[in-house]
Amino acid sequence: MKKLLACIGFACAVFAAGGVYAADGLTVELSHAHVEITSHFTGKKILVYGVRSHPGAVIVKLVSPPEEVNLSRKIRIGPFWVNGAKVAVHGAPAIAYLLSSEPLDQALSPQQRARYGLTL
């Protein structure tokens, strides 16, 4: 939960600098520039909205800062399932969301997806 909150906070901080983000033919704004996280926080929806002057897909990528993530695989010992060996993955985001108005294969070429970090 803390990781999700940090991710939301990071996204808000990026857009809160000017309130409105504008690029060539694209203007984007957030419904909430700041999210207060207290002991009673239960979640908050953040609406990203804007206008574009050229036709094309809209792609939103939200990634938390990289950190160390521990992964483990369940193994079966007799009738029981237990955690097996753990593997530490360094520099992996805890949370990653990718939303697109079109399938990525139709919206961008493989070179463009690699350029913008939209690959696995």
Protein backbone atom coordinates (compact mmCIF):
# COMPACT_ATOMS: atom_id res chain seq x y z
CA MET A 1 0.00 0.00 0.00
CA LYS A 2 2.85 2.39 0.84
CA LYS A 3 4.38 1.72 -2.57
CA LEU A 4 1.13 2.59 -4.33
CA LEU A 5 0.85 5.79 -2.32
CA ALA A 6 4.41 6.73 -3.20
CA CYS A 7 3.67 6.07 -6.86
CA ILE A 8 0.54 8.24 -6.78
CA GLY A 9 2.44 10.94 -4.94
CA PHE A 10 5.20 10.85 -7.54
CA ALA A 11 2.70 11.22 -10.38
CA CYS A 12 1.03 14.12 -8.61
CA ALA A 13 4.38 15.81 -7.98
CA VAL A 14 5.30 15.59 -11.65
CA PHE A 15 2.13 17.31 -12.80
CA ALA A 16 1.75 19.62 -9.80
CA ALA A 17 4.78 21.71 -10.78
CA GLY A 18 2.75 23.75 -13.24
CA GLY A 19 -0.73 22.34 -12.78
CA VAL A 20 -0.97 21.83 -16.54
CA TYR A 21 1.49 19.93 -18.72
CA ALA A 22 1.68 21.01 -22.35
CA ALA A 23 3.64 19.43 -25.19
CA ASP A 24 3.44 19.75 -28.96
CA GLY A 25 -0.29 19.47 -29.64
CA LEU A 26 -1.12 17.97 -26.22
CA THR A 27 -2.32 19.58 -22.99
CA VAL A 28 -2.82 17.42 -19.89
CA GLU A 29 -4.08 18.17 -16.38
CA LEU A 30 -4.80 16.18 -13.22
CA SER A 31 -8.02 16.27 -11.22
CA HIS A 32 -5.96 16.43 -8.00
CA ALA A 33 -2.58 18.15 -7.91
CA HIS A 34 -1.99 16.99 -4.32
CA VAL A 35 -3.14 13.91 -2.41
CA GLU A 36 -3.01 14.11 1.39
CA ILE A 37 -2.00 10.76 2.87
CA THR A 38 -2.90 10.40 6.54
CA SER A 39 -3.63 7.49 8.84
CA HIS A 40 -7.23 7.46 7.54
CA PHE A 41 -6.25 7.30 3.85
CA THR A 42 -8.25 4.66 1.96
CA GLY A 43 -7.37 5.56 -1.61
CA LYS A 44 -7.99 8.32 -4.10
CA LYS A 45 -8.94 8.36 -7.76
CA ILE A 46 -6.85 10.65 -9.92
CA LEU A 47 -8.33 11.67 -13.24
CA VAL A 48 -5.93 12.57 -16.05
CA TYR A 49 -7.64 14.64 -18.72
CA GLY A 50 -6.67 16.90 -21.56
CA VAL A 51 -6.94 17.80 -25.22
CA ARG A 52 -4.87 17.01 -28.27
CA SER A 53 -4.74 18.81 -31.59
CA HIS A 54 -3.56 15.85 -33.69
CA PRO A 55 -5.18 12.41 -34.06
CA GLY A 56 -3.42 9.49 -32.43
CA ALA A 57 -3.29 7.26 -29.40
CA VAL A 58 -3.05 8.47 -25.82
CA ILE A 59 -0.69 6.41 -23.66
CA VAL A 60 -0.25 6.91 -19.91
CA LYS A 61 2.69 5.23 -18.17
CA LEU A 62 2.95 5.34 -14.38
CA VAL A 63 5.96 3.69 -12.72
CA SER A 64 7.14 3.82 -9.12
CA PRO A 65 10.78 4.55 -8.33
CA PRO A 66 13.05 1.51 -8.71
CA GLU A 67 13.75 -0.56 -5.61
CA GLU A 68 14.72 -4.06 -4.55
CA VAL A 69 11.90 -6.59 -4.91
CA ASN A 70 12.08 -10.10 -3.43
CA LEU A 71 10.35 -12.86 -5.36
CA SER A 72 9.69 -16.39 -4.16
CA ARG A 73 8.17 -19.42 -5.81
CA LYS A 74 5.73 -21.75 -4.08
CA ILE A 75 6.92 -25.35 -3.94
CA ARG A 76 5.04 -28.43 -2.88
CA ILE A 77 6.34 -30.55 -0.02
CA GLY A 78 3.94 -33.44 0.49
CA PRO A 79 0.42 -32.06 0.87
CA PHE A 80 1.71 -28.54 1.73
CA TRP A 81 2.65 -25.56 -0.43
CA VAL A 82 5.48 -23.49 1.07
CA ASN A 83 7.70 -20.64 -0.08
CA GLY A 84 10.79 -21.81 -1.95
CA ALA A 85 14.03 -19.94 -2.49
CA LYS A 86 13.87 -16.16 -2.78
CA VAL A 87 15.42 -14.14 -5.56
CA ALA A 88 16.19 -10.42 -5.17
CA VAL A 89 15.56 -8.27 -8.23
CA HIS A 90 17.40 -4.94 -8.04
CA GLY A 91 16.11 -1.81 -9.76
CA ALA A 92 12.61 -3.11 -10.43
CA PRO A 93 9.56 -0.86 -10.01
CA ALA A 94 7.16 -1.98 -7.30
CA ILE A 95 4.22 -0.74 -9.36
CA ALA A 96 3.86 -0.18 -13.08
CA TYR A 97 0.69 0.82 -14.91
CA LEU A 98 0.34 1.27 -18.66
CA LEU A 99 -2.92 2.54 -20.12
CA SER A 100 -3.52 3.15 -23.81
CA SER A 101 -6.46 4.27 -25.93
CA GLU A 102 -5.34 1.80 -28.64
CA PRO A 103 -3.42 -1.48 -28.62
CA LEU A 104 0.29 -0.62 -28.43
CA ASP A 105 1.06 -2.75 -31.49
CA GLN A 106 -1.23 -0.50 -33.54
CA ALA A 107 -0.25 2.80 -31.92
CA LEU A 108 3.56 2.54 -32.00
CA SER A 109 6.26 0.71 -33.91
CA PRO A 110 8.63 -1.62 -32.00
CA GLN A 111 11.34 1.07 -32.22
CA GLN A 112 9.04 3.71 -30.71
CA ARG A 113 7.98 1.36 -27.90
CA ALA A 114 11.65 0.71 -27.09
CA ARG A 115 12.46 4.45 -27.22
CA TYR A 116 9.73 5.33 -24.71
CA GLY A 117 10.32 2.31 -22.47
CA LEU A 118 7.02 0.61 -23.27
CA THR A 119 8.47 -2.90 -23.56
CA LEU A 120 8.85 -5.75 -21.10
